[in-house]
């Protein structure tokens, strides 16, 4: 605890250990919160989710967990976690990855009961911008399905990419603040 207080800024301490007010939404948060993307970046449809049970494999479809574009591109929502050095919680980014049609079908088979035909990992592409780690071009991911309707975990495939390095080595609390600030969700100074 004393190490944490000596090595972090007051804003990082507020973000990670106590109540803080978000500069963007004005809400008061308790400790570390996760960020999430509403839809894959290529989604141009409505800003409303349909029910998972109404999945259509033709045309366009978006639910909280599944997305189909033009009946040709298949996406699932998962979590990309980056450890924060010296902090028990990780930075979590709820985001979207592509899957091949075959792996999308495997994911659907196990979606409700976790009885996947195989537990992967499956190859996908990160389909949301993540600050300066990921620009507008997608980054290759490993997709790890989870049991009990827990969202899949995403890990960068290229060990030399800054995202994979951050996932392996962790980031500083100040870097976590930079990620929050990139999306406008950082503590008021």
C-alpha atoms as a PDB file:
ATOM      1  CA  UNK A   1       0.000   0.000   0.000  1.00  0.00           C
ATOM      2  CA  UNK A   2       2.729   2.488   0.885  1.00  0.00           C
ATOM      3  CA  UNK A   3       4.655   1.571  -2.300  1.00  0.00           C
ATOM      4  CA  UNK A   4       1.539   2.319  -4.333  1.00  0.00           C
ATOM      5  CA  UNK A   5       1.086   5.740  -2.757  1.00  0.00           C
ATOM      6  CA  UNK A   6       4.741   6.698  -3.225  1.00  0.00           C
ATOM      7  CA  UNK A   7       4.919   5.689  -6.895  1.00  0.00           C
ATOM      8  CA  UNK A   8       1.632   6.884  -8.384  1.00  0.00           C
ATOM      9  CA  UNK A   9       0.119  10.233  -9.091  1.00  0.00           C
ATOM     10  CA  UNK A  10      -2.884  11.397  -7.043  1.00  0.00           C
ATOM     11  CA  UNK A  11      -5.094  10.799 -10.102  1.00  0.00           C
ATOM     12  CA  UNK A  12      -3.873   7.208 -10.482  1.00  0.00           C
ATOM     13  CA  UNK A  13      -4.464   6.576  -6.788  1.00  0.00           C
ATOM     14  CA  UNK A  14      -7.983   7.992  -7.061  1.00  0.00           C
ATOM     15  CA  UNK A  15      -8.722   5.909 -10.152  1.00  0.00           C
ATOM     16  CA  UNK A  16      -7.426   2.659  -8.767  1.00  0.00           C
ATOM     17  CA  UNK A  17      -8.140   2.828  -5.049  1.00  0.00           C
ATOM     18  CA  UNK A  18     -11.063   5.044  -4.299  1.00  0.00           C
ATOM     19  CA  UNK A  19     -14.032   6.988  -5.494  1.00  0.00           C
ATOM     20  CA  UNK A  20     -13.462   9.262  -8.455  1.00  0.00           C
ATOM     21  CA  UNK A  21     -15.621  11.330 -10.754  1.00  0.00           C
ATOM     22  CA  UNK A  22     -15.317  10.671 -14.473  1.00  0.00           C
ATOM     23  CA  UNK A  23     -14.425  13.744 -16.525  1.00  0.00           C
ATOM     24  CA  UNK A  24     -16.635  12.542 -19.399  1.00  0.00           C
ATOM     25  CA  UNK A  25     -19.810  11.082 -17.963  1.00  0.00           C
ATOM     26  CA  UNK A  26     -19.737  12.878 -14.609  1.00  0.00           C
ATOM     27  CA  UNK A  27     -20.552   9.646 -12.764  1.00  0.00           C
ATOM     28  CA  UNK A  28     -18.824   8.669  -9.560  1.00  0.00           C
ATOM     29  CA  UNK A  29     -16.986   5.333  -9.772  1.00  0.00           C
ATOM     30  CA  UNK A  30     -15.531   3.126  -7.081  1.00  0.00           C
ATOM     31  CA  UNK A  31     -12.088   1.865  -8.102  1.00  0.00           C
ATOM     32  CA  UNK A  32     -11.064   0.552 -11.487  1.00  0.00           C
ATOM     33  CA  UNK A  33     -13.761   0.256 -14.164  1.00  0.00           C
ATOM     34  CA  UNK A  34     -13.559  -1.464 -17.518  1.00  0.00           C
ATOM     35  CA  UNK A  35     -14.177   0.197 -20.849  1.00  0.00           C
ATOM     36  CA  UNK A  36     -16.164  -1.342 -23.653  1.00  0.00           C
ATOM     37  CA  UNK A  37     -16.885  -0.781 -27.303  1.00  0.00           C
ATOM     38  CA  UNK A  38     -20.544  -0.782 -28.288  1.00  0.00           C
ATOM     39  CA  UNK A  39     -19.960  -2.627 -31.574  1.00  0.00           C
ATOM     40  CA  UNK A  40     -17.148  -3.588 -33.934  1.00  0.00           C
ATOM     41  CA  UNK A  41     -15.696  -0.466 -35.555  1.00  0.00           C
ATOM     42  CA  UNK A  42     -17.014  -1.430 -39.033  1.00  0.00           C
ATOM     43  CA  UNK A  43     -20.629  -1.508 -37.731  1.00  0.00           C
ATOM     44  CA  UNK A  44     -22.680   1.243 -39.367  1.00  0.00           C
ATOM     45  CA  UNK A  45     -26.134   0.140 -38.252  1.00  0.00           C
ATOM     46  CA  UNK A  46     -28.435   1.302 -35.481  1.00  0.00           C
ATOM     47  CA  UNK A  47     -27.231   1.944 -31.946  1.00  0.00           C
ATOM     48  CA  UNK A  48     -29.635  -0.614 -30.527  1.00  0.00           C
ATOM     49  CA  UNK A  49     -29.037  -4.233 -29.676  1.00  0.00           C
ATOM     50  CA  UNK A  50     -31.246  -7.081 -30.787  1.00  0.00           C
ATOM     51  CA  UNK A  51     -31.695 -10.219 -28.697  1.00  0.00           C
ATOM     52  CA  UNK A  52     -29.088 -12.975 -29.091  1.00  0.00           C
ATOM     53  CA  UNK A  53     -31.920 -15.429 -29.775  1.00  0.00           C
ATOM     54  CA  UNK A  54     -32.905 -13.406 -32.875  1.00  0.00           C
ATOM     55  CA  UNK A  55     -29.533 -13.999 -34.568  1.00  0.00           C
ATOM     56  CA  UNK A  56     -29.623 -13.709 -38.358  1.00  0.00           C
ATOM     57  CA  UNK A  57     -26.701 -14.999 -40.395  1.00  0.00           C
ATOM     58  CA  UNK A  58     -27.779 -13.042 -43.470  1.00  0.00           C
ATOM     59  CA  UNK A  59     -27.710  -9.278 -43.691  1.00  0.00           C
ATOM     60  CA  UNK A  60     -26.726  -7.267 -40.610  1.00  0.00           C
ATOM     61  CA  UNK A  61     -27.250  -8.189 -36.974  1.00  0.00           C
ATOM     62  CA  UNK A  62     -25.983  -6.783 -33.660  1.00  0.00           C
ATOM     63  CA  UNK A  63     -26.653  -8.030 -30.129  1.00  0.00           C
ATOM     64  CA  UNK A  64     -24.655  -7.518 -26.951  1.00  0.00           C
ATOM     65  CA  UNK A  65     -22.567 -10.603 -27.819  1.00  0.00           C
ATOM     66  CA  UNK A  66     -22.803 -11.288 -31.555  1.00  0.00           C
ATOM     67  CA  UNK A  67     -22.484  -9.308 -34.770  1.00  0.00           C
ATOM     68  CA  UNK A  68     -22.906 -10.188 -38.441  1.00  0.00           C
ATOM     69  CA  UNK A  69     -22.126  -7.786 -41.277  1.00  0.00           C
ATOM     70  CA  UNK A  70     -23.606  -8.385 -44.708  1.00  0.00           C
ATOM     71  CA  UNK A  71     -23.933 -12.091 -43.904  1.00  0.00           C
ATOM     72  CA  UNK A  72     -20.179 -12.393 -44.572  1.00  0.00           C
ATOM     73  CA  UNK A  73     -18.303 -11.089 -41.531  1.00  0.00           C
ATOM     74  CA  UNK A  74     -18.792 -12.591 -38.077  1.00  0.00           C
ATOM     75  CA  UNK A  75     -17.833 -10.991 -34.753  1.00  0.00           C
ATOM     76  CA  UNK A  76     -18.055 -11.874 -31.088  1.00  0.00           C
ATOM     77  CA  UNK A  77     -17.647  -9.682 -28.016  1.00  0.00           C
ATOM     78  CA  UNK A  78     -14.913 -10.628 -25.582  1.00  0.00           C
ATOM     79  CA  UNK A  79     -12.509  -9.119 -23.095  1.00  0.00           C
ATOM     80  CA  UNK A  80      -8.957  -8.012 -23.663  1.00  0.00           C
ATOM     81  CA  UNK A  81      -7.179  -7.679 -20.319  1.00  0.00           C
ATOM     82  CA  UNK A  82      -3.929  -5.852 -19.609  1.00  0.00           C
ATOM     83  CA  UNK A  83      -2.397  -6.246 -16.133  1.00  0.00           C
ATOM     84  CA  UNK A  84      -1.546  -3.067 -14.243  1.00  0.00           C
ATOM     85  CA  UNK A  85       1.747  -3.341 -12.368  1.00  0.00           C
ATOM     86  CA  UNK A  86       1.367  -3.076  -8.609  1.00  0.00           C
ATOM     87  CA  UNK A  87      -2.436  -3.249  -8.786  1.00  0.00           C
ATOM     88  CA  UNK A  88      -4.490  -6.408  -8.206  1.00  0.00           C
ATOM     89  CA  UNK A  89      -6.995  -5.608 -10.973  1.00  0.00           C
ATOM     90  CA  UNK A  90      -6.355  -5.557 -14.703  1.00  0.00           C
ATOM     91  CA  UNK A  91      -7.442  -2.968 -17.246  1.00  0.00           C
ATOM     92  CA  UNK A  92     -10.287  -4.620 -19.128  1.00  0.00           C
ATOM     93  CA  UNK A  93     -11.442  -3.630 -22.593  1.00  0.00           C
ATOM     94  CA  UNK A  94     -14.708  -5.175 -23.746  1.00  0.00           C
ATOM     95  CA  UNK A  95     -14.221  -5.351 -27.488  1.00  0.00           C
ATOM     96  CA  UNK A  96     -14.982  -7.330 -30.607  1.00  0.00           C
ATOM     97  CA  UNK A  97     -13.050  -9.883 -32.633  1.00  0.00           C
ATOM     98  CA  UNK A  98     -13.760 -11.398 -35.982  1.00  0.00           C
ATOM     99  CA  UNK A  99     -14.106 -15.145 -36.309  1.00  0.00           C
ATOM    100  CA  UNK A 100     -14.201 -17.318 -39.388  1.00  0.00           C
ATOM    101  CA  UNK A 101     -17.661 -18.691 -40.147  1.00  0.00           C
ATOM    102  CA  UNK A 102     -16.530 -22.125 -38.934  1.00  0.00           C
ATOM    103  CA  UNK A 103     -15.280 -20.799 -35.585  1.00  0.00           C
ATOM    104  CA  UNK A 104     -18.349 -18.558 -35.245  1.00  0.00           C
ATOM    105  CA  UNK A 105     -20.493 -21.683 -35.618  1.00  0.00           C
ATOM    106  CA  UNK A 106     -18.375 -23.453 -32.946  1.00  0.00           C
ATOM    107  CA  UNK A 107     -18.872 -20.461 -30.653  1.00  0.00           C
ATOM    108  CA  UNK A 108     -22.639 -20.581 -31.193  1.00  0.00           C
ATOM    109  CA  UNK A 109     -22.676 -24.321 -30.388  1.00  0.00           C
ATOM    110  CA  UNK A 110     -21.184 -23.718 -26.948  1.00  0.00           C
ATOM    111  CA  UNK A 111     -22.624 -20.266 -26.255  1.00  0.00           C
ATOM    112  CA  UNK A 112     -25.283 -21.373 -23.770  1.00  0.00           C
ATOM    113  CA  UNK A 113     -23.707 -24.398 -22.094  1.00  0.00           C
ATOM    114  CA  UNK A 114     -19.951 -24.060 -22.691  1.00  0.00           C
ATOM    115  CA  UNK A 115     -19.857 -27.358 -24.590  1.00  0.00           C
ATOM    116  CA  UNK A 116     -17.691 -26.045 -27.426  1.00  0.00           C
ATOM    117  CA  UNK A 117     -16.584 -28.514 -30.118  1.00  0.00           C
ATOM    118  CA  UNK A 118     -13.062 -27.350 -29.252  1.00  0.00           C
ATOM    119  CA  UNK A 119     -11.750 -24.830 -26.722  1.00  0.00           C
ATOM    120  CA  UNK A 120      -9.469 -23.054 -29.155  1.00  0.00           C
ATOM    121  CA  UNK A 121      -7.693 -20.820 -29.193  1.00  0.00           C
ATOM    122  CA  UNK A 122      -9.239 -19.567 -32.405  1.00  0.00           C
ATOM    123  CA  UNK A 123      -7.700 -16.936 -34.615  1.00  0.00           C
ATOM    124  CA  UNK A 124      -9.433 -13.581 -34.965  1.00  0.00           C
ATOM    125  CA  UNK A 125      -8.837  -9.891 -35.600  1.00  0.00           C
ATOM    126  CA  UNK A 126      -9.364  -7.163 -33.012  1.00  0.00           C
ATOM    127  CA  UNK A 127     -12.072  -4.974 -34.497  1.00  0.00           C
ATOM    128  CA  UNK A 128     -11.922  -1.924 -32.236  1.00  0.00           C
ATOM    129  CA  UNK A 129      -9.355   0.788 -31.846  1.00  0.00           C
ATOM    130  CA  UNK A 130      -7.499   0.603 -28.538  1.00  0.00           C
ATOM    131  CA  UNK A 131      -5.821   3.977 -27.999  1.00  0.00           C
ATOM    132  CA  UNK A 132      -2.397   4.037 -29.621  1.00  0.00           C
ATOM    133  CA  UNK A 133      -1.951   0.258 -29.374  1.00  0.00           C
ATOM    134  CA  UNK A 134      -4.284  -0.347 -32.265  1.00  0.00           C
ATOM    135  CA  UNK A 135      -5.003   2.104 -35.045  1.00  0.00           C
ATOM    136  CA  UNK A 136      -7.619   1.636 -37.703  1.00  0.00           C
ATOM    137  CA  UNK A 137      -6.092  -1.623 -39.007  1.00  0.00           C
ATOM    138  CA  UNK A 138      -7.125  -4.780 -37.140  1.00  0.00           C
ATOM    139  CA  UNK A 139      -4.598  -6.710 -35.028  1.00  0.00           C
ATOM    140  CA  UNK A 140      -4.390 -10.530 -34.956  1.00  0.00           C
ATOM    141  CA  UNK A 141      -5.748 -12.102 -31.768  1.00  0.00           C
ATOM    142  CA  UNK A 142      -6.118 -15.464 -30.120  1.00  0.00           C
ATOM    143  CA  UNK A 143      -9.687 -16.007 -28.975  1.00  0.00           C
ATOM    144  CA  UNK A 144     -10.120 -18.237 -25.913  1.00  0.00           C
ATOM    145  CA  UNK A 145     -13.726 -19.351 -25.340  1.00  0.00           C
ATOM    146  CA  UNK A 146     -14.767 -19.560 -21.674  1.00  0.00           C
ATOM    147  CA  UNK A 147     -17.215 -21.731 -19.780  1.00  0.00           C
ATOM    148  CA  UNK A 148     -20.440 -20.696 -18.035  1.00  0.00           C
ATOM    149  CA  UNK A 149     -21.388 -17.886 -20.459  1.00  0.00           C
ATOM    150  CA  UNK A 150     -18.305 -15.892 -19.556  1.00  0.00           C
ATOM    151  CA  UNK A 151     -17.169 -13.798 -22.497  1.00  0.00           C
ATOM    152  CA  UNK A 152     -14.109 -15.032 -24.398  1.00  0.00           C
ATOM    153  CA  UNK A 153     -10.650 -13.711 -23.535  1.00  0.00           C
ATOM    154  CA  UNK A 154      -8.543 -12.100 -26.246  1.00  0.00           C
ATOM    155  CA  UNK A 155      -4.735 -12.130 -26.451  1.00  0.00           C
ATOM    156  CA  UNK A 156      -2.493 -10.533 -29.068  1.00  0.00           C
ATOM    157  CA  UNK A 157      -0.915 -13.062 -31.441  1.00  0.00           C
ATOM    158  CA  UNK A 158       2.246 -11.167 -32.389  1.00  0.00           C
ATOM    159  CA  UNK A 159       4.593 -11.250 -29.351  1.00  0.00           C
ATOM    160  CA  UNK A 160       6.527  -8.225 -30.708  1.00  0.00           C
ATOM    161  CA  UNK A 161       3.410  -6.010 -30.969  1.00  0.00           C
ATOM    162  CA  UNK A 162       3.024  -3.397 -28.186  1.00  0.00           C
ATOM    163  CA  UNK A 163      -0.379  -4.835 -27.241  1.00  0.00           C
ATOM    164  CA  UNK A 164       0.994  -8.351 -26.678  1.00  0.00           C
ATOM    165  CA  UNK A 165       3.955  -6.903 -24.779  1.00  0.00           C
ATOM    166  CA  UNK A 166       1.587  -4.951 -22.526  1.00  0.00           C
ATOM    167  CA  UNK A 167      -0.502  -8.075 -21.929  1.00  0.00           C
ATOM    168  CA  UNK A 168       2.639 -10.058 -21.022  1.00  0.00           C
ATOM    169  CA  UNK A 169       4.438  -7.435 -18.912  1.00  0.00           C
ATOM    170  CA  UNK A 170       1.645  -5.206 -17.636  1.00  0.00           C
ATOM    171  CA  UNK A 171       1.392  -1.420 -17.750  1.00  0.00           C
ATOM    172  CA  UNK A 172       1.883   1.307 -15.166  1.00  0.00           C
ATOM    173  CA  UNK A 173      -1.117   2.906 -13.448  1.00  0.00           C
ATOM    174  CA  UNK A 174      -0.264   6.124 -15.324  1.00  0.00           C
ATOM    175  CA  UNK A 175      -0.466   4.246 -18.641  1.00  0.00           C
ATOM    176  CA  UNK A 176      -3.868   2.917 -17.576  1.00  0.00           C
ATOM    177  CA  UNK A 177      -4.936   6.523 -16.993  1.00  0.00           C
ATOM    178  CA  UNK A 178      -3.758   7.387 -20.516  1.00  0.00           C
ATOM    179  CA  UNK A 179      -5.991   4.631 -21.912  1.00  0.00           C
ATOM    180  CA  UNK A 180      -8.959   5.973 -19.947  1.00  0.00           C
ATOM    181  CA  UNK A 181      -8.165   9.531 -21.037  1.00  0.00           C
ATOM    182  CA  UNK A 182      -7.997   8.456 -24.702  1.00  0.00           C
ATOM    183  CA  UNK A 183     -11.679   7.552 -24.381  1.00  0.00           C
ATOM    184  CA  UNK A 184     -12.494  10.550 -22.193  1.00  0.00           C
ATOM    185  CA  UNK A 185     -13.012   8.446 -19.056  1.00  0.00           C
ATOM    186  CA  UNK A 186     -10.406   9.637 -16.590  1.00  0.00           C
ATOM    187  CA  UNK A 187     -10.734  11.236 -13.177  1.00  0.00           C
ATOM    188  CA  UNK A 188     -11.306  14.939 -12.961  1.00  0.00           C
ATOM    189  CA  UNK A 189      -7.978  16.464 -12.031  1.00  0.00           C
END
